[in-house]
Structure formats: structure tokens, C-alpha cells
Amino acid sequence: MAESGPINSILIIRPSALGDVCRTVPVLASLRAAYPSARIDWVVQDDFVPAVAAHPALSNAIAFPRARLAGWWSSPAGFMGMCRWFRQLRQPRYDLVLDCQGLGRSALMAMATRAPRRVGLRTAREFAWLAYNRPVNIATGSQPVHTVDQMLSLLTAAEIPPVPDTTLHVADEPRDWWREQRASEGWPRGKYAVLSPTSRWLSKRWPIDRWVQLIIPLRERGFERLVVIGSPSEHEQVRQLFVQHKPSVRGMVDLVGRTSIAQTMAVIAEADLVIANDSAPLHMAVGFKRNIVALFGPTDPAEVGPYGREESVVRGYCPSAGESINFKNSKLGDSLMRFISTAAVLQKVDQVMNAAALREATWTPKLVPGGPLPEVVTDLRPRREAAS
């Protein structure tokens, strides 16, 4: 792509959804590794800006006001507002644009930049591929290609090596908020698990009565608190979780609808375990390198599961070869998620936590050339005895 000149400014287009925004971070990491001095901006839905704003590889987050500009085609004022917003994408004069969304709206954004290199998948929907002058083909085979790998494949058009780094970052303010919350409740260092039982789609929800059955076993496994998260509109989905557990069981923390996205990230970032349906908190947990148990039903974890964490998935129903399942089909209900038993989830919890304990026990410090050697303790007697 040298014929189009040097690359000094880059735009990533991935406005939504929140889980997909988190999964797009490896694209950002790859671009920064290849162009350490370039300006790298990201168009992201205004509600989701906190998911990426603290990432050190990002220069600017450009907020897309989706709600305010909804129905822009239906009124002159809305049309003019959208035109003004599109014009701001042209001002930085981007050298390279990657459309990681691949829909009609994101393609219009790519076109609006007038960038000399506009990259997207040749299979993008809603005729979005018409906006790209560097379309990319995905190698097809018998196995599905993970969403993260699909987006990383866009880098081939710019001859950029992929860096599959999913690491997320959260700002100091929400981290401090969460630590203050924990300290005020009397468990500043207590072991806790995050439960994310909600989903916009009923077909992705593990039945709430099964979540209820996890409470006592998780407490018996040493989790001092069980922190339940969700959006403000999801209170009804979790109500049973708080009214049906035995009064003797304590340690439930209800944060449903009470945290911002940045605060939710801070809660997940320090969790000892995250149990979640196919949802954004699951992908946040991957980004913060947390221990996870991922519950899947109609969606294929090979394509949309926790990236690089296949061993953490519990899927009770496995479609037959060639079977296609639409998770948006209301007739599914939670039927496929009901194939997952409570025993299977607890077994996976034990596997995940035991593996984490083993990694910690066998960890050895990395030596940096020219750096100090790690301290070696040879006297293992009690401190008082050693001093006598």
C-alpha cells in the first residue's frame, strides 16, 4: 500500500455492540505496534466510549451519538445533524480507515472520511463492501472463523502483523470508586465472584433458577461476596436471584443498574471469577485476564466465544453439522440454555479455579537482562526463631 503514501493517521470504525467493541481491541493493539507514532482514533457509540477511552494505544475516541441521530433521514434537522457529524470525520484526513463493523452505517462513515485506504470485509452486509477500496477476503473452511480473527484479517490489506492482545484498561477514577466501595463494606481484599446472568436475548440466558442454585456452592468454595451485575433495564431478570436464596446465605451484592460501564469494568477487573452468559461482561473479563466460566447455548463459542479461552466454555447443546440456529428467534426461549446443568457449571468452576491455583503455584519470575535477580529465601524458619 506504499502507493498511497505514508500512514500517519488511522481510524477504526466499530461503534457497537459493547461486547464487539471489547473484542476489537486487538486491532487497536496491532495498529499501535505497527505505527507507534501515528494518530489512531476510534468511532464508538457514545455510551460505550468508556470501554476503550483509557487504552494507552488510543489517541482519540470519537463518540457516535446513535440515539440523538436515530431517524436522521426522517427530518431535515436530523439529516443536517448527521451531515455535520460526518463532516468531522473528514477533518483529520485519515490515511487508513478500517471498518470493523461491516454494516451500511459504518460503511457510510468510512466513505465520509475520504481516506485513500478504506478497508473492510468483502462479505460485509448491507452493501457495505461498496465503500471499501481495499476489500479483504476471509479464508473459508469447515470451521468458523472467530470474530476477533475476522477483524484482525483486515490488517492484511495494510501488511500489518496481527497482535492478538485483548487487554482492556480502566481509568483510575472507577478503580478508586470500587476499592472505596469494598472498603466501606468491610471486604477490601475479600475473594469475590461476579455473576452476569442477564442478556437482551432470552435465548442466551441461563435460567435464573439455576443461578440461584449456584449461590451456596460458590460461598462454600470460599467466595466472600457474589457480585451481581446488569443494566438498569434488567432488574426483573435477576429479581428471583435475591428473593429465593436462603436467608442464612449472606454476601450477595446487587449492582444491577447501579454502575456505569467504567465502574462495571472496574468491578470485573479485580474479580477472582466471572460467570457470564454470552454477553459484554464476559469479553470484559477476557480483556482483564480474569478466571471465567462462559455459558453458551444458541451462539457458537468457536465464532463469538471468549477469545483464546475455549477451555472455559460450558455448552449444553451442540448443534449437528450444518444446523443453523438464530438466537433472535423468539420461539427458542431459553430451551437451549437449559441443557446446561448446575453441576456442569460448578465442575467448570472447579476446573478453572484449580488451573489458576496451579499456574500461581508454578509461576517463576522472568529475568530481565541486566536487571536485578529475584530474591531467594533460603531460611524458612519463623521470623522470631530466625532472629534468636
Protein backbone atom coordinates (compact mmCIF):
# COMPACT_ATOMS: atom_id res chain seq x y z
CA MET A 1 0.00 0.00 0.00
CA ALA A 2 3.01 2.26 -0.35
CA GLU A 3 1.47 3.77 -3.49
CA SER A 4 -0.97 5.70 -1.30
CA GLY A 5 1.74 7.38 0.74
CA PRO A 6 2.77 7.08 4.39
CA ILE A 7 0.34 6.20 7.19
CA ASN A 8 0.29 8.87 9.88
CA SER A 9 -3.37 8.83 10.90
CA ILE A 10 -5.71 5.85 11.27
CA LEU A 11 -9.40 5.45 12.07
CA ILE A 12 -11.06 2.34 13.50
CA ILE A 13 -14.81 2.13 12.98
CA ARG A 14 -16.57 -0.15 15.47
CA PRO A 15 -19.44 1.73 17.12
CA SER A 16 -21.23 -1.24 18.74
CA ALA A 17 -22.20 -3.58 20.32
CA LEU A 18 -20.39 -3.33 23.66
CA GLY A 19 -19.05 -6.89 23.57
CA ASP A 20 -17.84 -6.41 20.00
CA VAL A 21 -16.18 -3.13 20.96
CA CYS A 22 -14.20 -5.01 23.63
CA ARG A 23 -13.28 -7.70 21.09
CA THR A 24 -11.94 -5.09 18.65
CA VAL A 25 -9.11 -4.04 20.98
CA PRO A 26 -6.61 -6.44 19.32
CA VAL A 27 -6.99 -4.39 16.12
CA LEU A 28 -6.01 -1.28 18.07
CA ALA A 29 -3.07 -3.06 19.67
CA SER A 30 -1.87 -4.28 16.27
CA LEU A 31 -2.06 -0.84 14.70
CA ARG A 32 -0.16 0.76 17.57
CA ALA A 33 2.56 -1.87 17.40
CA ALA A 34 2.98 -1.22 13.67
CA TYR A 35 2.70 2.58 13.88
CA PRO A 36 3.90 3.73 17.32
CA SER A 37 3.78 7.42 16.40
CA ALA A 38 0.57 7.53 14.37
CA ARG A 39 -2.68 9.14 15.36
CA ILE A 40 -5.16 6.31 15.97
CA ASP A 41 -8.80 7.27 16.54
CA TRP A 42 -11.86 5.09 17.08
CA VAL A 43 -15.51 5.77 16.23
CA VAL A 44 -17.51 4.21 19.05
CA GLN A 45 -21.08 4.66 20.23
CA ASP A 46 -21.17 7.42 22.85
CA ASP A 47 -22.49 5.06 25.55
CA PHE A 48 -19.54 2.72 25.01
CA VAL A 49 -16.68 5.24 24.96
CA PRO A 50 -15.51 4.27 28.48
CA ALA A 51 -14.79 0.73 27.24
CA VAL A 52 -11.81 1.96 25.21
CA ALA A 53 -11.10 5.54 26.31
CA ALA A 54 -8.45 4.54 28.86
CA HIS A 55 -6.49 2.35 26.46
CA PRO A 56 -2.96 3.77 26.12
CA ALA A 57 -2.79 2.83 22.42
CA LEU A 58 -5.73 5.07 21.53
CA SER A 59 -5.30 8.70 20.54
CA ASN A 60 -8.94 9.77 20.49
CA ALA A 61 -12.37 8.19 20.94
CA ILE A 62 -14.89 9.76 18.57
CA ALA A 63 -18.34 9.42 20.14
CA PHE A 64 -21.13 8.43 17.77
CA PRO A 65 -24.41 9.79 19.22
CA ARG A 66 -26.58 6.95 17.97
CA ALA A 67 -29.69 7.83 19.99
CA ARG A 68 -29.58 11.52 19.07
CA LEU A 69 -29.12 10.83 15.37
CA ALA A 70 -31.63 7.97 15.17
CA GLY A 71 -34.10 8.54 12.34
CA TRP A 72 -31.84 11.17 10.79
CA TRP A 73 -33.37 10.51 7.37
CA SER A 74 -36.89 11.40 8.53
CA SER A 75 -36.43 15.13 9.10
CA PRO A 76 -34.38 17.97 7.60
CA ALA A 77 -32.92 18.79 11.02
CA GLY A 78 -31.87 15.19 11.58
CA PHE A 79 -30.36 14.97 8.11
CA MET A 80 -28.34 18.13 8.65
CA GLY A 81 -27.17 16.87 12.05
CA MET A 82 -25.90 13.66 10.50
CA CYS A 83 -24.14 15.58 7.74
CA ARG A 84 -22.36 17.75 10.29
CA TRP A 85 -21.27 14.68 12.22
CA PHE A 86 -19.99 13.02 9.03
CA ARG A 87 -18.03 16.14 8.11
CA GLN A 88 -15.98 15.94 11.29
CA LEU A 89 -14.69 12.54 10.15
CA ARG A 90 -13.15 14.20 7.12
CA GLN A 91 -11.18 16.84 9.01
CA PRO A 92 -8.31 14.66 10.33
CA ARG A 93 -7.56 13.45 6.77
CA TYR A 94 -7.04 9.84 7.77
CA ASP A 95 -4.57 7.83 5.73
CA LEU A 96 -6.14 4.48 6.66
CA VAL A 97 -9.64 3.50 7.78
CA LEU A 98 -10.67 0.05 8.97
CA ASP A 99 -14.39 -0.71 9.13
CA CYS A 100 -14.61 -3.46 11.73
CA GLN A 101 -18.41 -3.29 11.87
CA GLY A 102 -19.22 -4.07 8.25
CA LEU A 103 -22.73 -2.59 8.06
CA GLY A 104 -24.32 0.13 5.98
CA ARG A 105 -23.95 2.84 8.63
CA SER A 106 -20.29 2.09 9.33
CA ALA A 107 -19.60 1.99 5.58
CA LEU A 108 -21.05 5.49 5.24
CA MET A 109 -18.67 6.61 7.96
CA ALA A 110 -15.75 5.11 6.08
CA MET A 111 -16.84 6.86 2.87
CA ALA A 112 -17.25 10.16 4.73
CA THR A 113 -13.57 10.19 5.71
CA ARG A 114 -12.49 10.20 2.03
CA ALA A 115 -9.43 8.27 3.19
CA PRO A 116 -7.23 6.91 0.38
CA ARG A 117 -7.29 3.44 2.02
CA ARG A 118 -10.64 2.15 3.21
CA VAL A 119 -10.51 -1.44 4.41
CA GLY A 120 -13.39 -3.81 5.13
CA LEU A 121 -14.55 -7.34 4.56
CA ARG A 122 -15.66 -8.22 1.04
CA THR A 123 -18.56 -10.11 2.64
CA ALA A 124 -19.78 -7.08 4.66
CA ARG A 125 -23.55 -6.85 4.85
CA GLU A 126 -25.98 -4.15 3.70
CA PHE A 127 -23.80 -3.43 0.62
CA ALA A 128 -21.13 -2.02 2.95
CA TRP A 129 -18.41 -3.58 0.77
CA LEU A 130 -19.10 -0.90 -1.84
CA ALA A 131 -17.41 1.65 0.45
CA TYR A 132 -14.05 -0.13 0.53
CA ASN A 133 -11.23 0.26 -1.95
CA ARG A 134 -9.21 -2.38 -0.05
CA PRO A 135 -11.70 -5.24 0.44
CA VAL A 136 -10.44 -8.30 2.30
CA ASN A 137 -11.45 -11.92 1.80
CA ILE A 138 -11.70 -14.33 4.73
CA ALA A 139 -10.32 -17.80 4.17
CA THR A 140 -13.28 -20.15 4.44
CA GLY A 141 -13.11 -23.70 5.73
CA SER A 142 -15.01 -26.30 7.68
CA GLN A 143 -14.51 -24.42 10.96
CA PRO A 144 -15.96 -20.98 11.74
CA VAL A 145 -13.57 -18.03 11.96
CA HIS A 146 -13.67 -16.23 15.28
CA THR A 147 -14.97 -12.66 15.18
CA VAL A 148 -11.65 -11.36 16.52
CA ASP A 149 -9.72 -13.16 13.80
CA GLN A 150 -12.11 -11.79 11.18
CA MET A 151 -11.32 -8.26 12.30
CA LEU A 152 -7.60 -8.96 12.53
CA SER A 153 -7.72 -10.21 8.94
CA LEU A 154 -8.42 -6.62 7.86
CA LEU A 155 -4.83 -5.81 8.75
CA THR A 156 -3.58 -7.88 5.83
CA ALA A 157 -4.69 -5.11 3.47
CA ALA A 158 -2.13 -2.83 5.13
CA GLU A 159 0.50 -5.57 5.61
CA ILE A 160 0.27 -5.13 9.38
CA PRO A 161 1.14 -8.14 11.58
CA PRO A 162 -1.76 -9.09 13.88
CA VAL A 163 -1.22 -8.74 17.62
CA PRO A 164 -3.93 -10.74 19.41
CA ASP A 165 -3.74 -8.64 22.58
CA THR A 166 -7.20 -8.35 24.16
CA THR A 167 -6.04 -6.35 27.19
CA LEU A 168 -8.54 -3.75 28.40
CA HIS A 169 -7.80 -0.75 30.59
CA VAL A 170 -9.93 1.13 33.08
CA ALA A 171 -9.40 4.65 34.33
CA ASP A 172 -8.20 5.42 37.86
CA GLU A 173 -11.47 7.04 38.96
CA PRO A 174 -13.70 3.95 38.61
CA ARG A 175 -10.95 1.74 40.08
CA ASP A 176 -10.76 4.04 43.12
CA TRP A 177 -14.56 4.07 43.37
CA TRP A 178 -14.71 0.27 43.51
CA ARG A 179 -11.95 -0.03 46.08
CA GLU A 180 -13.68 2.58 48.24
CA GLN A 181 -16.96 0.67 47.90
CA ARG A 182 -15.33 -2.56 49.01
CA ALA A 183 -13.54 -0.90 51.91
CA SER A 184 -16.76 0.75 53.13
CA GLU A 185 -18.50 -2.66 53.13
CA GLY A 186 -15.70 -4.27 55.11
CA TRP A 187 -14.15 -6.56 52.46
CA PRO A 188 -11.31 -4.59 50.85
CA ARG A 189 -9.36 -7.75 49.97
CA GLY A 190 -12.02 -10.44 50.11
CA LYS A 191 -12.32 -13.04 47.38
CA TYR A 192 -15.34 -12.39 45.16
CA ALA A 193 -17.07 -13.73 42.07
CA VAL A 194 -19.00 -11.67 39.54
CA LEU A 195 -22.25 -13.14 38.26
CA SER A 196 -23.62 -11.78 34.97
CA PRO A 197 -26.93 -13.63 34.48
CA THR A 198 -28.65 -11.18 32.15
CA SER A 199 -28.92 -10.82 28.40
CA ARG A 200 -31.00 -8.83 25.97
CA TRP A 201 -31.95 -12.11 24.30
CA LEU A 202 -33.88 -14.74 26.26
CA SER A 203 -32.24 -17.45 24.14
CA LYS A 204 -28.84 -16.57 25.67
CA ARG A 205 -29.96 -16.57 29.30
CA TRP A 206 -29.17 -19.47 31.55
CA PRO A 207 -32.37 -19.91 33.63
CA ILE A 208 -32.34 -17.77 36.74
CA ASP A 209 -33.33 -20.70 38.98
CA ARG A 210 -30.04 -22.35 38.02
CA TRP A 211 -28.16 -19.23 39.08
CA VAL A 212 -29.96 -19.45 42.43
CA GLN A 213 -28.58 -22.97 42.82
CA LEU A 214 -25.01 -21.65 42.46
CA ILE A 215 -25.14 -19.34 45.47
CA ILE A 216 -24.47 -21.73 48.34
CA PRO A 217 -21.87 -23.86 46.45
CA LEU A 218 -19.94 -20.75 45.44
CA ARG A 219 -19.95 -19.46 49.00
CA GLU A 220 -18.75 -22.88 50.16
CA ARG A 221 -15.86 -22.56 47.70
CA GLY A 222 -14.57 -19.53 49.55
CA PHE A 223 -16.05 -16.59 47.64
CA GLU A 224 -16.72 -13.97 50.29
CA ARG A 225 -19.03 -11.97 48.05
CA LEU A 226 -21.11 -12.73 44.96
CA VAL A 227 -21.47 -9.53 42.94
CA VAL A 228 -24.40 -9.48 40.50
CA ILE A 229 -24.19 -7.05 37.58
CA GLY A 230 -26.55 -5.96 34.81
CA SER A 231 -28.08 -2.93 33.13
CA PRO A 232 -30.87 -0.76 34.62
CA SER A 233 -33.47 -2.43 32.39
CA GLU A 234 -32.56 -5.93 33.63
CA HIS A 235 -33.75 -5.78 37.25
CA GLU A 236 -36.65 -8.14 36.60
CA GLN A 237 -34.33 -10.76 35.12
CA VAL A 238 -32.44 -11.10 38.41
CA ARG A 239 -35.17 -10.48 40.97
CA GLN A 240 -35.53 -14.20 41.72
CA LEU A 241 -31.82 -14.40 42.49
CA PHE A 242 -32.31 -12.15 45.52
CA VAL A 243 -35.64 -13.42 46.83
CA GLN A 244 -35.20 -17.19 46.64
CA HIS A 245 -31.84 -17.83 48.25
CA LYS A 246 -31.84 -18.95 51.90
CA PRO A 247 -31.78 -16.15 54.47
CA SER A 248 -28.70 -17.75 56.04
CA VAL A 249 -26.70 -17.10 52.88
CA ARG A 250 -25.01 -13.72 53.01
CA GLY A 251 -22.57 -11.98 50.79
CA MET A 252 -24.83 -11.09 47.84
CA VAL A 253 -24.04 -7.70 46.32
CA ASP A 254 -26.67 -6.23 43.99
CA LEU A 255 -25.08 -3.85 41.46
CA VAL A 256 -27.69 -4.35 38.72
CA GLY A 257 -28.35 -0.95 37.17
CA ARG A 258 -26.13 0.77 39.71
CA THR A 259 -22.85 1.05 37.81
CA SER A 260 -21.62 2.85 34.74
CA ILE A 261 -19.72 0.93 32.08
CA ALA A 262 -16.42 2.14 33.51
CA GLN A 263 -17.47 1.08 37.00
CA THR A 264 -18.60 -2.33 35.73
CA MET A 265 -15.16 -2.73 34.16
CA ALA A 266 -13.53 -1.87 37.48
CA VAL A 267 -15.65 -4.49 39.26
CA ILE A 268 -14.69 -7.15 36.71
CA ALA A 269 -11.02 -6.14 36.61
CA GLU A 270 -10.40 -7.27 40.19
CA ALA A 271 -12.77 -10.27 40.34
CA ASP A 272 -11.44 -13.70 41.24
CA LEU A 273 -14.04 -15.34 38.96
CA VAL A 274 -16.60 -14.18 36.41
CA ILE A 275 -19.53 -16.39 35.40
CA ALA A 276 -21.45 -14.99 32.44
CA ASN A 277 -23.73 -15.74 29.55
CA ASP A 278 -22.66 -14.74 26.03
CA SER A 279 -22.57 -11.03 26.85
CA ALA A 280 -20.30 -7.98 27.09
CA PRO A 281 -19.13 -8.66 30.68
CA LEU A 282 -17.71 -11.99 29.50
CA HIS A 283 -15.49 -10.26 26.94
CA MET A 284 -14.50 -7.64 29.51
CA ALA A 285 -13.35 -10.46 31.78
CA VAL A 286 -11.22 -11.83 28.94
CA GLY A 287 -9.69 -8.38 28.50
CA PHE A 288 -8.78 -8.22 32.18
CA LYS A 289 -7.37 -11.78 32.21
CA ARG A 290 -9.87 -12.97 34.82
CA ASN A 291 -10.86 -16.54 35.57
CA ILE A 292 -14.09 -17.14 33.65
CA VAL A 293 -16.88 -19.62 33.14
CA ALA A 294 -18.74 -18.86 29.90
CA LEU A 295 -22.27 -20.21 29.35
CA PHE A 296 -23.30 -20.75 25.73
CA GLY A 297 -26.41 -22.07 24.03
CA PRO A 298 -27.58 -20.89 20.58
CA THR A 299 -24.41 -18.96 19.70
CA ASP A 300 -21.23 -20.72 18.62
CA PRO A 301 -18.31 -20.14 21.02
CA ALA A 302 -15.89 -21.01 18.20
CA GLU A 303 -17.04 -17.82 16.47
CA VAL A 304 -18.17 -15.47 19.26
CA GLY A 305 -16.86 -17.10 22.44
CA PRO A 306 -14.21 -15.81 24.85
CA TYR A 307 -11.19 -15.31 22.60
CA GLY A 308 -8.42 -17.77 23.36
CA ARG A 309 -10.29 -19.17 26.36
CA GLU A 310 -12.12 -22.14 24.86
CA GLU A 311 -11.40 -24.27 27.92
CA SER A 312 -13.68 -22.01 29.99
CA VAL A 313 -16.84 -22.61 27.94
CA VAL A 314 -19.83 -24.69 29.05
CA ARG A 315 -22.22 -25.50 26.23
CA GLY A 316 -25.00 -27.94 26.93
CA TYR A 317 -26.38 -28.15 23.39
CA CYS A 318 -24.17 -28.85 20.39
CA PRO A 319 -25.86 -28.41 17.00
CA SER A 320 -25.47 -31.10 14.42
CA ALA A 321 -23.34 -30.49 11.34
CA GLY A 322 -24.95 -27.90 9.10
CA GLU A 323 -27.57 -26.89 11.68
CA SER A 324 -28.10 -23.15 11.84
CA ILE A 325 -29.58 -21.50 14.93
CA ASN A 326 -30.86 -17.93 15.04
CA PHE A 327 -30.55 -16.70 18.61
CA LYS A 328 -33.01 -13.89 17.81
CA ASN A 329 -35.78 -16.41 17.18
CA SER A 330 -38.29 -15.80 19.99
CA LYS A 331 -39.57 -19.36 19.72
CA LEU A 332 -36.30 -20.66 21.17
CA GLY A 333 -36.95 -19.20 24.59
CA ASP A 334 -34.23 -20.43 26.95
CA SER A 335 -34.61 -24.04 25.78
CA LEU A 336 -31.01 -24.45 24.60
CA MET A 337 -29.54 -22.87 27.72
CA ARG A 338 -31.49 -25.37 29.83
CA PHE A 339 -29.21 -28.10 28.53
CA ILE A 340 -26.55 -26.67 30.88
CA SER A 341 -26.83 -28.22 34.33
CA THR A 342 -25.80 -26.59 37.60
CA ALA A 343 -23.44 -29.49 38.20
CA ALA A 344 -21.69 -28.84 34.88
CA VAL A 345 -21.15 -25.18 35.77
CA LEU A 346 -19.77 -26.00 39.22
CA GLN A 347 -17.49 -28.61 37.71
CA LYS A 348 -16.16 -25.98 35.30
CA VAL A 349 -15.72 -23.54 38.20
CA ASP A 350 -13.57 -26.10 39.99
CA GLN A 351 -11.53 -26.81 36.86
CA VAL A 352 -10.93 -23.12 36.18
CA MET A 353 -10.01 -22.24 39.77
CA ASN A 354 -7.78 -25.30 40.20
CA ALA A 355 -5.96 -24.46 36.97
CA ALA A 356 -5.49 -20.88 38.19
CA ALA A 357 -4.10 -22.11 41.53
CA LEU A 358 -1.70 -24.42 39.70
CA ARG A 359 -0.46 -21.59 37.47
CA GLU A 360 0.13 -19.41 40.50
CA ALA A 361 1.96 -22.19 42.35
CA THR A 362 4.28 -22.91 39.41
CA TRP A 363 4.90 -19.27 38.42
CA THR A 364 8.54 -18.32 38.10
CA PRO A 365 9.79 -14.73 37.78
CA LYS A 366 11.07 -13.62 34.41
CA LEU A 367 14.65 -12.38 34.38
CA VAL A 368 15.32 -9.16 32.55
CA PRO A 369 18.82 -8.97 31.06
CA GLY A 370 20.84 -6.61 33.20
CA GLY A 371 18.07 -6.41 35.80
CA PRO A 372 18.12 -7.43 39.47
CA LEU A 373 17.90 -11.11 40.37
CA PRO A 374 14.77 -12.24 42.20
CA GLU A 375 15.09 -12.56 45.96
CA VAL A 376 15.70 -16.16 47.04
CA VAL A 377 14.51 -17.14 50.52
CA THR A 378 16.60 -19.95 51.99
CA ASP A 379 15.71 -19.66 55.68
CA LEU A 380 12.13 -20.84 56.09
CA ARG A 381 12.08 -20.78 59.92
CA PRO A 382 9.56 -18.49 61.67
CA ARG A 383 10.83 -14.93 61.81
CA ARG A 384 11.13 -14.85 65.62
CA GLU A 385 13.13 -18.12 65.72
CA ALA A 386 15.47 -16.96 62.98
CA ALA A 387 16.24 -13.82 64.93
CA SER A 388 17.07 -15.65 68.15
